[in-house]
Amino acid sequence: MLEPANINKYAKKDPEETLKENLFKKYGQRFIDYRKRYEENLNKKSSEIDHLNYPNTVLLELVNRCDLECTMCYQGFRNDANKSVLDENILDKVFADFKKNKLNSLMFSASEPLLYKKIDTVFKRAKDADIMDIFLFTNGTLLNEKNSKMILESSLTRLFISIDAASEETYNKVRIPVSKRLLEQNRLAKLEKNIKNFIHLRDNVYKKTLPLVRTSFVALDKNKHEINTFIDKWKNIVDSVEIQKKVIPHSAFEEAQMENTKSEKVIIKDYDCKEPWGQMTIWSNGTVSPCCATFGRNIPIGNVTNQTISELWKSKNMQSIRESFHNNTPKSACKTCINNTVDYIST
């Protein structure tokens, strides 16, 4: 995850307050401890963080597919790979592990989670495991009435929707469908209507304040002229708006070239990453990596098919990654990730 300095957020009310109002009432001190650990991971140097006995957050990729190939996203490369879907036996195993160890936070992300055919059963597993804070990252293309109601009847606490545009023209340049048959007219208008309908259902039908809804925008040279319009469009509708100013270019994943930019890549001399102290990612083939970045896939620490989350979290492989940051000698994949996170708002 990117540091707060790389992200601008806009909200009518601090989303943390809404979250606290709901979750502290149910979980008490457990919620306070969870947020305290999150803040420590965010603000302290890695050398000052205690990784404890279990991750604070697990990111779960259900299927390695997306219905879009956005210009700034690595998923377009992965759509050509062999399809993998997280096996239900693995899901049974990891959710039993989550429940036993009281996992605080779970993120459904990495690809497009709503493409997973039995995602309703996954939401039920998450609810049964009593996970406090559950995120769904989505492009929103499948946020129809049926899926909206499914989400609202689950225990999800946050719905994060990536849009990256304020006009149809820019949306079609940035958020490109994998198939021409999906290139329907007024795609953005349809998405915006579905998001507004979700808010209506949440507020007026289900009469809930969760899940919090965030719309996000990754600033690129081809869309940055719409940042202010995007903020104005959404700031009084959703719970928060996020503008992300940094992105890892495709050339870091493959030798493909991204659009020209005046931004300069800076080689970092003092490497520090907090991810291995707070979270891990389970990919759709069961492989586990120390972070949510695609580079992390190049340094797998094991597989959930033959190890528990606790074993992986305390493993020699995971500890080796932590020690590499303490010694300022991170793995080459980590260096590449940090060195290639560049500012795409040209100055």
Protein backbone atom coordinates (compact mmCIF):
# COMPACT_ATOMS: atom_id res chain seq x y z
CA MET A 1 0.00 0.00 0.00
CA LEU A 2 1.15 3.51 -0.73
CA GLU A 3 2.06 5.93 2.01
CA PRO A 4 -0.49 8.65 2.89
CA ALA A 5 1.75 11.36 1.37
CA ASN A 6 1.01 9.90 -2.05
CA ILE A 7 -2.75 10.01 -1.58
CA ASN A 8 -5.24 12.86 -1.17
CA LYS A 9 -8.56 12.04 0.48
CA TYR A 10 -11.80 14.03 0.62
CA ALA A 11 -14.72 13.21 2.89
CA LYS A 12 -17.84 14.83 4.37
CA LYS A 13 -17.11 13.07 7.65
CA ASP A 14 -14.02 11.18 8.76
CA PRO A 15 -14.76 7.57 7.68
CA GLU A 16 -12.79 6.36 10.70
CA GLU A 17 -15.44 7.88 12.95
CA THR A 18 -18.24 6.03 11.18
CA LEU A 19 -16.24 2.82 11.34
CA LYS A 20 -15.57 3.31 15.05
CA GLU A 21 -19.22 4.07 15.78
CA ASN A 22 -20.20 0.72 14.30
CA LEU A 23 -17.32 -1.60 15.17
CA PHE A 24 -16.35 -0.37 18.64
CA LYS A 25 -19.93 -0.96 19.73
CA LYS A 26 -19.61 -4.62 18.67
CA TYR A 27 -15.95 -5.43 19.32
CA GLY A 28 -14.80 -2.98 22.00
CA GLN A 29 -11.10 -3.21 22.85
CA ARG A 30 -10.42 -5.59 19.96
CA PHE A 31 -11.28 -2.80 17.52
CA ILE A 32 -9.11 -0.28 19.39
CA ASP A 33 -6.15 -2.67 19.31
CA TYR A 34 -6.67 -3.31 15.60
CA ARG A 35 -6.63 0.37 14.67
CA LYS A 36 -3.69 1.06 16.97
CA ARG A 37 -1.68 -1.62 15.22
CA TYR A 38 -2.69 -0.22 11.84
CA GLU A 39 -1.53 3.28 12.82
CA GLU A 40 1.77 1.95 14.15
CA ASN A 41 2.42 0.11 10.89
CA LEU A 42 1.61 3.29 9.00
CA ASN A 43 3.68 5.75 10.99
CA LYS A 44 6.62 3.88 12.49
CA LYS A 45 9.77 2.72 10.77
CA SER A 46 9.84 -1.00 10.09
CA SER A 47 12.61 -1.43 12.66
CA GLU A 48 10.22 -0.14 15.34
CA ILE A 49 7.32 -2.47 14.52
CA ASP A 50 6.46 -5.71 16.31
CA HIS A 51 4.98 -8.15 13.80
CA LEU A 52 3.18 -10.09 16.58
CA ASN A 53 1.88 -13.60 15.99
CA TYR A 54 -0.57 -13.08 13.16
CA PRO A 55 -1.11 -10.60 10.31
CA ASN A 56 -3.36 -7.63 10.98
CA THR A 57 -4.69 -7.84 7.43
CA VAL A 58 -4.88 -10.55 4.78
CA LEU A 59 -5.53 -9.74 1.14
CA LEU A 60 -7.37 -12.52 -0.69
CA GLU A 61 -7.42 -12.92 -4.45
CA LEU A 62 -10.34 -15.14 -5.42
CA VAL A 63 -9.72 -15.30 -9.17
CA ASN A 64 -6.85 -13.98 -11.29
CA ARG A 65 -9.13 -12.33 -13.83
CA CYS A 66 -10.56 -8.91 -14.51
CA ASP A 67 -13.06 -7.69 -17.09
CA LEU A 68 -10.96 -4.55 -17.64
CA GLU A 69 -7.39 -3.90 -18.72
CA CYS A 70 -6.76 -0.46 -17.25
CA THR A 71 -3.75 1.39 -18.61
CA MET A 72 -1.98 1.70 -15.25
CA CYS A 73 -2.73 -1.80 -13.93
CA TYR A 74 -0.61 -4.94 -14.15
CA GLN A 75 -3.73 -7.12 -14.41
CA GLY A 76 -3.71 -6.78 -18.18
CA PHE A 77 -0.56 -8.88 -18.26
CA ARG A 78 -2.06 -11.47 -15.93
CA ASN A 79 -5.19 -11.91 -18.03
CA ASP A 80 -2.99 -13.82 -20.47
CA ALA A 81 -1.86 -16.26 -17.78
CA ASN A 82 -3.46 -19.58 -16.93
CA LYS A 83 -6.74 -18.98 -15.16
CA SER A 84 -6.73 -19.83 -11.47
CA VAL A 85 -9.59 -19.75 -8.99
CA LEU A 86 -9.14 -20.16 -5.27
CA ASP A 87 -10.27 -23.69 -4.44
CA GLU A 88 -13.20 -24.03 -2.01
CA ASN A 89 -11.21 -26.46 0.14
CA ILE A 90 -8.53 -23.80 0.50
CA LEU A 91 -11.21 -21.26 1.37
CA ASP A 92 -12.56 -23.58 4.09
CA LYS A 93 -9.05 -23.96 5.48
CA VAL A 94 -8.06 -20.30 5.50
CA PHE A 95 -11.36 -19.05 6.93
CA ALA A 96 -11.14 -21.62 9.74
CA ASP A 97 -7.64 -20.25 10.35
CA PHE A 98 -8.95 -16.66 10.32
CA LYS A 99 -11.66 -17.53 12.82
CA LYS A 100 -9.32 -19.38 15.16
CA ASN A 101 -6.81 -16.52 15.22
CA LYS A 102 -9.34 -13.67 15.11
CA LEU A 103 -8.15 -11.99 11.93
CA ASN A 104 -8.90 -8.28 12.17
CA SER A 105 -9.09 -7.24 8.53
CA LEU A 106 -9.68 -8.96 5.19
CA MET A 107 -9.40 -7.42 1.74
CA PHE A 108 -10.96 -8.92 -1.37
CA SER A 109 -8.79 -7.44 -4.07
CA ALA A 110 -5.91 -7.99 -6.56
CA SER A 111 -8.21 -8.83 -9.51
CA GLU A 112 -11.99 -8.32 -9.85
CA PRO A 113 -13.58 -10.18 -6.91
CA LEU A 114 -17.13 -9.97 -8.25
CA LEU A 115 -16.12 -12.30 -11.11
CA TYR A 116 -15.90 -15.11 -8.55
CA LYS A 117 -19.10 -17.08 -9.14
CA LYS A 118 -19.69 -18.06 -5.51
CA ILE A 119 -18.66 -14.83 -3.87
CA ASP A 120 -21.86 -14.81 -1.79
CA THR A 121 -20.63 -17.96 -0.01
CA VAL A 122 -17.25 -16.30 0.57
CA PHE A 123 -18.96 -13.33 2.21
CA LYS A 124 -20.84 -15.77 4.45
CA ARG A 125 -17.54 -17.42 5.44
CA ALA A 126 -16.11 -14.00 6.32
CA LYS A 127 -19.13 -13.21 8.48
CA ASP A 128 -18.93 -16.57 10.24
CA ALA A 129 -15.21 -16.01 10.90
CA ASP A 130 -16.15 -12.79 12.74
CA ILE A 131 -13.64 -10.66 10.84
CA MET A 132 -14.09 -7.05 11.92
CA ASP A 133 -13.12 -4.98 8.90
CA ILE A 134 -13.85 -6.41 5.43
CA PHE A 135 -12.93 -4.55 2.24
CA LEU A 136 -14.12 -5.14 -1.30
CA PHE A 137 -12.06 -3.49 -4.03
CA THR A 138 -13.92 -3.45 -7.33
CA ASN A 139 -14.14 -1.64 -10.64
CA GLY A 140 -17.90 -1.51 -10.15
CA THR A 141 -18.87 -2.90 -13.55
CA LEU A 142 -20.79 -5.72 -11.85
CA LEU A 143 -22.37 -3.56 -9.14
CA ASN A 144 -25.91 -4.31 -10.29
CA GLU A 145 -28.99 -4.44 -8.06
CA LYS A 146 -28.51 -8.12 -7.22
CA ASN A 147 -24.87 -7.75 -6.21
CA SER A 148 -25.61 -4.53 -4.34
CA LYS A 149 -28.17 -6.31 -2.17
CA MET A 150 -25.79 -9.24 -1.66
CA ILE A 151 -23.10 -6.86 -0.41
CA LEU A 152 -25.51 -4.99 1.85
CA GLU A 153 -26.70 -8.26 3.39
CA SER A 154 -23.11 -9.26 4.16
CA SER A 155 -20.76 -8.01 6.88
CA LEU A 156 -18.63 -5.94 4.50
CA THR A 157 -17.48 -2.68 6.04
CA ARG A 158 -15.89 -0.96 3.04
CA LEU A 159 -16.67 -0.84 -0.66
CA PHE A 160 -13.87 0.78 -2.69
CA ILE A 161 -14.68 1.52 -6.33
CA SER A 162 -12.01 2.50 -8.85
CA ILE A 163 -13.22 4.89 -11.54
CA ASP A 164 -10.30 7.14 -12.62
CA ALA A 165 -12.36 9.47 -14.80
CA ALA A 166 -15.08 12.10 -14.76
CA SER A 167 -16.12 11.82 -18.43
CA GLU A 168 -17.04 9.00 -20.79
CA GLU A 169 -14.20 9.92 -23.14
CA THR A 170 -11.52 9.66 -20.46
CA TYR A 171 -13.10 6.59 -18.87
CA ASN A 172 -12.86 4.77 -22.20
CA LYS A 173 -9.18 5.72 -22.51
CA VAL A 174 -8.20 4.55 -19.03
CA ARG A 175 -10.61 1.71 -18.21
CA ILE A 176 -10.52 -0.53 -21.26
CA PRO A 177 -12.72 -3.66 -21.47
CA VAL A 178 -10.99 -6.97 -22.18
CA SER A 179 -13.54 -7.66 -24.92
CA LYS A 180 -15.06 -5.32 -27.49
CA ARG A 181 -18.47 -6.77 -26.70
CA LEU A 182 -18.19 -5.11 -23.29
CA LEU A 183 -17.55 -1.73 -24.88
CA GLU A 184 -21.12 -0.53 -24.54
CA GLN A 185 -22.21 3.08 -24.78
CA ASN A 186 -22.40 5.22 -21.65
CA ARG A 187 -20.36 2.79 -19.53
CA LEU A 188 -19.44 5.49 -17.01
CA ALA A 189 -23.00 6.76 -16.75
CA LYS A 190 -24.19 3.22 -16.00
CA LEU A 191 -21.51 2.78 -13.34
CA GLU A 192 -22.34 6.11 -11.71
CA LYS A 193 -26.03 5.20 -11.66
CA ASN A 194 -25.25 1.85 -9.99
CA ILE A 195 -23.11 3.50 -7.32
CA LYS A 196 -25.83 6.03 -6.53
CA ASN A 197 -28.36 3.21 -6.36
CA PHE A 198 -26.12 1.33 -3.92
CA ILE A 199 -25.96 4.42 -1.68
CA HIS A 200 -29.75 4.75 -1.87
CA LEU A 201 -30.27 1.12 -0.91
CA ARG A 202 -27.79 1.36 1.96
CA ASP A 203 -29.18 4.58 3.40
CA ASN A 204 -32.90 4.28 2.75
CA VAL A 205 -33.75 0.59 2.38
CA TYR A 206 -31.25 -1.24 4.58
CA LYS A 207 -30.82 1.87 6.78
CA LYS A 208 -27.13 1.18 7.40
CA THR A 209 -24.00 3.33 7.49
CA LEU A 210 -21.74 0.46 6.41
CA PRO A 211 -20.17 -0.46 4.12
CA LEU A 212 -18.41 2.85 3.66
CA VAL A 213 -18.25 3.72 -0.03
CA ARG A 214 -15.12 5.26 -1.57
CA THR A 215 -14.59 6.26 -5.18
CA SER A 216 -10.97 6.46 -6.30
CA PHE A 217 -8.92 8.04 -9.05
CA VAL A 218 -5.36 7.15 -10.08
CA ALA A 219 -3.88 10.30 -11.57
CA LEU A 220 -2.23 9.82 -14.97
CA ASP A 221 -1.25 12.26 -17.67
CA LYS A 222 -4.31 11.24 -19.69
CA ASN A 223 -6.84 11.91 -16.91
CA LYS A 224 -5.29 14.42 -14.48
CA HIS A 225 -7.22 17.30 -16.03
CA GLU A 226 -10.39 15.75 -14.56
CA ILE A 227 -9.23 15.47 -10.93
CA ASN A 228 -11.15 18.48 -9.63
CA THR A 229 -14.27 17.56 -11.58
CA PHE A 230 -14.07 14.03 -10.18
CA ILE A 231 -13.80 15.31 -6.61
CA ASP A 232 -16.70 17.73 -7.05
CA LYS A 233 -18.83 15.01 -8.66
CA TRP A 234 -18.45 12.52 -5.79
CA LYS A 235 -17.57 14.36 -2.57
CA ASN A 236 -21.21 14.90 -1.53
CA ILE A 237 -22.43 11.46 -2.63
CA VAL A 238 -20.01 8.85 -1.31
CA ASP A 239 -18.29 8.64 2.07
CA SER A 240 -14.85 9.48 0.71
CA VAL A 241 -12.99 10.28 -2.49
CA GLU A 242 -9.37 9.25 -3.01
CA ILE A 243 -6.85 10.65 -5.47
CA GLN A 244 -3.75 8.49 -5.83
CA LYS A 245 -0.78 10.39 -7.21
CA LYS A 246 1.73 7.60 -7.67
CA VAL A 247 1.70 4.46 -9.77
CA ILE A 248 4.08 1.71 -10.84
CA PRO A 249 4.50 1.85 -14.65
CA HIS A 250 4.07 -1.20 -16.84
CA SER A 251 7.70 -1.02 -17.88
CA ALA A 252 8.55 -2.25 -14.41
CA PHE A 253 6.51 -5.40 -15.03
CA GLU A 254 7.50 -5.93 -18.63
CA GLU A 255 9.47 -4.00 -21.22
CA ALA A 256 6.33 -2.25 -22.36
CA GLN A 257 6.37 1.52 -22.51
CA MET A 258 3.89 3.73 -20.73
CA GLU A 259 2.81 7.17 -21.88
CA ASN A 260 5.43 9.93 -21.86
CA THR A 261 5.70 11.84 -18.60
CA LYS A 262 7.95 14.53 -17.20
CA SER A 263 8.19 12.71 -13.89
CA GLU A 264 11.58 11.31 -12.96
CA LYS A 265 12.23 7.94 -11.38
CA VAL A 266 14.17 8.35 -8.14
CA ILE A 267 16.41 5.54 -6.90
CA ILE A 268 15.87 5.15 -3.18
CA LYS A 269 18.95 4.77 -0.98
CA ASP A 270 17.13 4.04 2.28
CA TYR A 271 14.62 1.27 1.63
CA ASP A 272 11.77 0.86 4.08
CA CYS A 273 8.52 -1.05 3.61
CA LYS A 274 6.08 -1.87 6.40
CA GLU A 275 3.96 -4.42 4.54
CA PRO A 276 5.72 -7.58 5.87
CA TRP A 277 4.88 -6.46 9.42
CA GLY A 278 1.18 -5.92 8.88
CA GLN A 279 -0.21 -8.03 6.08
CA MET A 280 0.19 -10.83 3.59
CA THR A 281 -1.51 -11.79 0.35
CA ILE A 282 -3.03 -15.13 -0.64
CA TRP A 283 -3.18 -15.37 -4.43
CA SER A 284 -5.74 -17.41 -6.34
CA ASN A 285 -3.40 -20.40 -6.71
CA GLY A 286 -2.77 -20.54 -2.94
CA THR A 287 0.66 -18.92 -3.11
CA VAL A 288 1.36 -16.46 -0.29
CA SER A 289 3.46 -13.32 -0.65
CA PRO A 290 4.47 -10.64 1.88
CA CYS A 291 2.52 -7.77 0.32
CA CYS A 292 -0.22 -6.82 -2.10
CA ALA A 293 2.12 -5.62 -4.86
CA THR A 294 2.49 -7.81 -7.91
CA PHE A 295 6.26 -7.78 -7.36
CA GLY A 296 5.60 -9.71 -4.16
CA ARG A 297 4.58 -12.67 -6.29
CA ASN A 298 8.26 -12.99 -7.19
CA ILE A 299 9.17 -13.70 -3.57
CA PRO A 300 6.62 -16.32 -2.45
CA ILE A 301 6.91 -17.37 1.16
CA GLY A 302 4.88 -20.55 0.81
CA ASN A 303 1.44 -21.89 -0.01
CA VAL A 304 -1.69 -22.22 2.11
CA THR A 305 -2.33 -25.71 0.75
CA ASN A 306 0.37 -27.13 3.01
CA GLN A 307 0.96 -24.46 5.68
CA THR A 308 -1.20 -22.45 8.07
CA ILE A 309 -1.29 -18.65 8.08
CA SER A 310 0.53 -18.62 11.42
CA GLU A 311 3.28 -20.89 10.09
CA LEU A 312 3.74 -18.72 7.03
CA TRP A 313 3.71 -15.50 9.08
CA LYS A 314 6.46 -16.79 11.38
CA SER A 315 8.37 -18.66 8.67
CA LYS A 316 12.06 -18.24 7.86
CA ASN A 317 11.12 -16.87 4.45
CA MET A 318 8.97 -14.12 5.96
CA GLN A 319 11.52 -13.30 8.62
CA SER A 320 14.23 -13.10 5.96
CA ILE A 321 12.22 -10.42 4.15
CA ARG A 322 11.78 -8.40 7.35
CA GLU A 323 15.48 -8.65 8.16
CA SER A 324 16.39 -7.53 4.66
CA PHE A 325 14.66 -4.21 5.32
CA HIS A 326 16.28 -3.86 8.72
CA ASN A 327 19.65 -4.28 6.99
CA ASN A 328 18.65 -2.05 4.05
CA THR A 329 19.32 -4.98 1.70
CA PRO A 330 15.83 -5.80 0.43
CA LYS A 331 15.08 -8.48 -2.14
CA SER A 332 15.48 -7.36 -5.74
CA ALA A 333 11.70 -7.52 -6.26
CA CYS A 334 11.18 -5.13 -3.33
CA LYS A 335 13.81 -2.73 -4.67
CA THR A 336 12.18 -2.75 -8.10
CA CYS A 337 8.78 -2.04 -6.56
CA ILE A 338 10.00 0.89 -4.46
CA ASN A 339 12.23 2.36 -7.17
CA ASN A 340 9.49 2.22 -9.79
CA THR A 341 6.72 3.87 -7.82
CA VAL A 342 6.73 7.16 -9.68
CA ASP A 343 4.75 10.37 -9.62
CA TYR A 344 2.46 10.62 -12.64
CA ILE A 345 1.34 14.16 -11.94
CA SER A 346 3.94 15.98 -14.02
CA THR A 347 5.30 19.22 -12.63
